[in-house]
Amino acid sequence: ERARIARDHAGDLVDEATITRIASAEALSPAVIARVASVVGALRKELPAERRGSAMELLINDLLKHGARGLLALRNAGGATFAQDQASSVVW
């Protein structure tokens, strides 16, 4: 089920190996997959195709490890998270 969701949201962004790794994360919700895919998709022009998979996995790992605070840390370190409410770290 997660593999299908990952393919639906990120199949045009990342390779099948990345989809397989994403699908293997049991703690990963469909909403997180969709949100991270939308962030990486929004950065498509700035992010070379060969880096999209690692960017998606980095965001997912950071969300699983630190929640929304992790995205704020990425933003503060100069990373791109598309759009973010600095107070709540909500990304859209």
N, C-alpha and C. Protein backbone atom coordinates (compact mmCIF):
# COMPACT_ATOMS: atom_id res chain seq x y z
N GLU A 1 0.83 -1.20 0.00
CA GLU A 1 0.00 0.00 0.00
C GLU A 1 0.87 1.27 0.00
N ARG A 2 1.90 1.34 0.87
CA ARG A 2 2.77 2.53 0.89
C ARG A 2 3.52 2.70 -0.42
N ALA A 3 3.89 1.58 -1.06
CA ALA A 3 4.59 1.68 -2.34
C ALA A 3 3.69 2.32 -3.39
N ARG A 4 2.42 1.93 -3.42
CA ARG A 4 1.49 2.54 -4.36
C ARG A 4 1.32 4.03 -4.08
N ILE A 5 1.19 4.37 -2.81
CA ILE A 5 1.04 5.78 -2.42
C ILE A 5 2.29 6.57 -2.81
N ALA A 6 3.46 5.99 -2.54
CA ALA A 6 4.70 6.67 -2.90
C ALA A 6 4.80 6.86 -4.40
N ARG A 7 4.43 5.83 -5.17
CA ARG A 7 4.46 5.95 -6.63
C ARG A 7 3.47 7.01 -7.11
N ASP A 8 2.29 7.03 -6.52
CA ASP A 8 1.27 8.01 -6.93
C ASP A 8 1.75 9.44 -6.70
N HIS A 9 2.44 9.67 -5.60
CA HIS A 9 2.85 11.03 -5.24
C HIS A 9 4.24 11.41 -5.74
N ALA A 10 5.13 10.43 -5.86
CA ALA A 10 6.53 10.76 -6.17
C ALA A 10 7.12 9.98 -7.33
N GLY A 11 6.31 9.18 -8.00
CA GLY A 11 6.82 8.36 -9.09
C GLY A 11 7.48 9.13 -10.21
N ASP A 12 7.06 10.37 -10.41
CA ASP A 12 7.67 11.20 -11.46
C ASP A 12 8.87 11.99 -10.95
N LEU A 13 9.16 11.86 -9.66
CA LEU A 13 10.26 12.62 -9.05
C LEU A 13 11.48 11.77 -8.73
N VAL A 14 11.25 10.52 -8.33
CA VAL A 14 12.35 9.67 -7.84
C VAL A 14 12.32 8.32 -8.53
N ASP A 15 13.42 7.58 -8.40
CA ASP A 15 13.52 6.27 -9.03
C ASP A 15 12.83 5.19 -8.19
N GLU A 16 12.72 4.01 -8.77
CA GLU A 16 12.02 2.91 -8.10
C GLU A 16 12.72 2.46 -6.83
N ALA A 17 14.04 2.54 -6.79
CA ALA A 17 14.77 2.16 -5.57
C ALA A 17 14.38 3.08 -4.41
N THR A 18 14.21 4.37 -4.68
CA THR A 18 13.78 5.30 -3.64
C THR A 18 12.36 4.99 -3.19
N ILE A 19 11.49 4.69 -4.14
CA ILE A 19 10.10 4.32 -3.81
C ILE A 19 10.11 3.10 -2.89
N THR A 20 10.94 2.11 -3.19
CA THR A 20 11.02 0.90 -2.36
C THR A 20 11.49 1.23 -0.95
N ARG A 21 12.50 2.09 -0.83
CA ARG A 21 12.99 2.46 0.51
C ARG A 21 11.93 3.23 1.28
N ILE A 22 11.25 4.14 0.62
CA ILE A 22 10.18 4.91 1.28
C ILE A 22 9.08 3.96 1.74
N ALA A 23 8.70 3.04 0.89
CA ALA A 23 7.62 2.11 1.22
C ALA A 23 7.97 1.19 2.38
N SER A 24 9.25 0.98 2.62
CA SER A 24 9.65 0.07 3.69
C SER A 24 9.57 0.71 5.08
N ALA A 25 9.37 2.01 5.14
CA ALA A 25 9.30 2.70 6.44
C ALA A 25 7.90 2.55 7.02
N GLU A 26 7.75 1.63 7.95
CA GLU A 26 6.43 1.33 8.51
C GLU A 26 5.81 2.49 9.28
N ALA A 27 6.63 3.37 9.83
CA ALA A 27 6.11 4.49 10.61
C ALA A 27 5.67 5.65 9.73
N LEU A 28 5.84 5.52 8.44
CA LEU A 28 5.56 6.61 7.51
C LEU A 28 4.10 6.62 7.10
N SER A 29 3.44 7.74 7.33
CA SER A 29 2.03 7.85 6.96
C SER A 29 1.89 8.34 5.52
N PRO A 30 0.76 8.05 4.89
CA PRO A 30 0.51 8.56 3.54
C PRO A 30 0.58 10.09 3.47
N ALA A 31 0.14 10.76 4.53
CA ALA A 31 0.17 12.22 4.54
C ALA A 31 1.60 12.76 4.48
N VAL A 32 2.52 12.10 5.17
CA VAL A 32 3.92 12.53 5.13
C VAL A 32 4.50 12.31 3.75
N ILE A 33 4.20 11.17 3.15
CA ILE A 33 4.68 10.90 1.79
C ILE A 33 4.18 11.98 0.84
N ALA A 34 2.90 12.28 0.92
CA ALA A 34 2.31 13.30 0.03
C ALA A 34 2.93 14.66 0.27
N ARG A 35 3.11 15.05 1.50
CA ARG A 35 3.65 16.37 1.82
C ARG A 35 5.10 16.51 1.35
N VAL A 36 5.91 15.51 1.64
CA VAL A 36 7.32 15.57 1.24
C VAL A 36 7.42 15.56 -0.28
N ALA A 37 6.61 14.75 -0.95
CA ALA A 37 6.62 14.74 -2.42
C ALA A 37 6.22 16.10 -2.97
N SER A 38 5.28 16.78 -2.32
CA SER A 38 4.89 18.10 -2.81
C SER A 38 6.01 19.12 -2.63
N VAL A 39 6.75 19.02 -1.54
CA VAL A 39 7.89 19.92 -1.31
C VAL A 39 8.97 19.68 -2.36
N VAL A 40 9.33 18.41 -2.56
CA VAL A 40 10.36 18.09 -3.55
C VAL A 40 9.88 18.45 -4.96
N GLY A 41 8.61 18.21 -5.24
CA GLY A 41 8.06 18.57 -6.54
C GLY A 41 8.10 20.07 -6.78
N ALA A 42 7.85 20.84 -5.75
CA ALA A 42 7.89 22.30 -5.87
C ALA A 42 9.30 22.79 -6.14
N LEU A 43 10.28 22.02 -5.72
CA LEU A 43 11.69 22.38 -5.91
C LEU A 43 12.28 21.73 -7.16
N ARG A 44 11.45 21.15 -7.97
CA ARG A 44 11.89 20.38 -9.15
C ARG A 44 12.87 21.16 -10.03
N LYS A 45 12.59 22.42 -10.27
CA LYS A 45 13.46 23.22 -11.15
C LYS A 45 14.81 23.51 -10.52
N GLU A 46 14.85 23.66 -9.21
CA GLU A 46 16.10 23.97 -8.51
C GLU A 46 16.88 22.73 -8.11
N LEU A 47 16.23 21.58 -8.11
CA LEU A 47 16.83 20.36 -7.61
C LEU A 47 17.05 19.38 -8.76
N PRO A 48 18.30 19.07 -9.09
CA PRO A 48 18.56 18.13 -10.18
C PRO A 48 17.90 16.78 -9.92
N ALA A 49 17.50 16.11 -10.97
CA ALA A 49 16.78 14.83 -10.85
C ALA A 49 17.54 13.83 -10.00
N GLU A 50 18.86 13.79 -10.13
CA GLU A 50 19.64 12.80 -9.38
C GLU A 50 19.70 13.10 -7.88
N ARG A 51 19.27 14.28 -7.47
CA ARG A 51 19.28 14.62 -6.03
C ARG A 51 17.90 14.59 -5.40
N ARG A 52 16.86 14.41 -6.19
CA ARG A 52 15.50 14.45 -5.65
C ARG A 52 15.21 13.31 -4.69
N GLY A 53 15.70 12.11 -5.02
CA GLY A 53 15.48 10.97 -4.13
C GLY A 53 16.12 11.17 -2.78
N SER A 54 17.37 11.62 -2.78
CA SER A 54 18.05 11.84 -1.50
C SER A 54 17.41 12.98 -0.73
N ALA A 55 16.93 14.01 -1.44
CA ALA A 55 16.24 15.11 -0.76
C ALA A 55 14.95 14.62 -0.12
N MET A 56 14.22 13.79 -0.84
CA MET A 56 12.97 13.26 -0.29
C MET A 56 13.24 12.39 0.93
N GLU A 57 14.24 11.55 0.85
CA GLU A 57 14.57 10.68 1.98
C GLU A 57 15.09 11.49 3.17
N LEU A 58 15.86 12.53 2.90
CA LEU A 58 16.34 13.39 3.98
C LEU A 58 15.16 14.05 4.71
N LEU A 59 14.22 14.59 3.97
CA LEU A 59 13.06 15.22 4.60
C LEU A 59 12.23 14.21 5.38
N ILE A 60 12.02 13.04 4.80
CA ILE A 60 11.25 12.00 5.50
C ILE A 60 11.96 11.57 6.78
N ASN A 61 13.25 11.28 6.67
CA ASN A 61 13.99 10.86 7.87
C ASN A 61 13.96 11.93 8.94
N ASP A 62 14.11 13.17 8.53
CA ASP A 62 14.09 14.26 9.49
C ASP A 62 12.72 14.40 10.14
N LEU A 63 11.67 14.25 9.36
CA LEU A 63 10.32 14.31 9.94
C LEU A 63 10.09 13.17 10.92
N LEU A 64 10.52 11.97 10.56
CA LEU A 64 10.33 10.83 11.46
C LEU A 64 11.15 10.98 12.73
N LYS A 65 12.31 11.56 12.60
CA LYS A 65 13.21 11.70 13.75
C LYS A 65 12.85 12.88 14.64
N HIS A 66 12.54 14.03 14.03
CA HIS A 66 12.37 15.26 14.79
C HIS A 66 11.01 15.93 14.64
N GLY A 67 10.15 15.40 13.81
CA GLY A 67 8.87 16.06 13.57
C GLY A 67 9.08 17.39 12.86
N ALA A 68 8.15 18.27 12.98
CA ALA A 68 8.20 19.56 12.28
C ALA A 68 9.37 20.41 12.74
N ARG A 69 9.85 20.23 13.98
CA ARG A 69 11.01 21.00 14.44
C ARG A 69 12.23 20.73 13.58
N GLY A 70 12.33 19.52 13.04
CA GLY A 70 13.45 19.18 12.18
C GLY A 70 13.44 19.98 10.90
N LEU A 71 12.26 20.26 10.37
CA LEU A 71 12.18 21.09 9.17
C LEU A 71 12.60 22.51 9.45
N LEU A 72 12.26 23.01 10.61
CA LEU A 72 12.70 24.35 10.99
C LEU A 72 14.23 24.38 11.08
N ALA A 73 14.82 23.33 11.62
CA ALA A 73 16.28 23.26 11.70
C ALA A 73 16.90 23.25 10.31
N LEU A 74 16.30 22.50 9.38
CA LEU A 74 16.80 22.50 8.00
C LEU A 74 16.73 23.90 7.40
N ARG A 75 15.62 24.56 7.62
CA ARG A 75 15.43 25.91 7.08
C ARG A 75 16.46 26.87 7.69
N ASN A 76 16.65 26.80 9.00
CA ASN A 76 17.61 27.68 9.67
C ASN A 76 19.04 27.40 9.23
N ALA A 77 19.31 26.18 8.79
CA ALA A 77 20.65 25.83 8.32
C ALA A 77 20.85 26.19 6.85
N GLY A 78 19.84 26.82 6.26
CA GLY A 78 19.96 27.25 4.87
C GLY A 78 19.33 26.29 3.87
N GLY A 79 18.70 25.23 4.36
CA GLY A 79 18.03 24.28 3.47
C GLY A 79 16.71 24.82 2.98
N ALA A 80 16.26 24.32 1.86
CA ALA A 80 14.99 24.76 1.29
C ALA A 80 13.89 23.80 1.72
N THR A 81 12.79 24.34 2.21
CA THR A 81 11.64 23.52 2.57
C THR A 81 10.38 24.04 1.90
N PHE A 82 10.53 24.78 0.83
CA PHE A 82 9.47 25.38 0.03
C PHE A 82 8.86 26.55 0.78
N ALA A 83 7.81 26.36 1.51
CA ALA A 83 7.22 27.45 2.29
C ALA A 83 6.99 26.95 3.70
N GLN A 84 7.25 27.80 4.66
CA GLN A 84 7.19 27.32 6.04
C GLN A 84 6.77 28.44 6.98
N ASP A 85 5.87 28.11 7.88
CA ASP A 85 5.51 29.02 8.95
C ASP A 85 6.60 28.89 10.02
N GLN A 86 7.37 29.92 10.22
CA GLN A 86 8.51 29.85 11.14
C GLN A 86 8.09 29.55 12.58
N ALA A 87 6.93 29.99 12.99
CA ALA A 87 6.50 29.78 14.37
C ALA A 87 6.14 28.32 14.63
N SER A 88 5.48 27.68 13.66
CA SER A 88 5.01 26.31 13.90
C SER A 88 5.77 25.27 13.11
N SER A 89 6.60 25.68 12.17
CA SER A 89 7.35 24.80 11.28
C SER A 89 6.45 24.02 10.32
N VAL A 90 5.23 24.47 10.15
CA VAL A 90 4.34 23.82 9.20
C VAL A 90 4.82 24.11 7.79
N VAL A 91 4.93 23.07 6.99
CA VAL A 91 5.40 23.22 5.59
C VAL A 91 4.23 22.98 4.67
N TRP A 92 4.12 23.82 3.65
CA TRP A 92 3.08 23.62 2.65
C TRP A 92 3.64 23.93 1.30
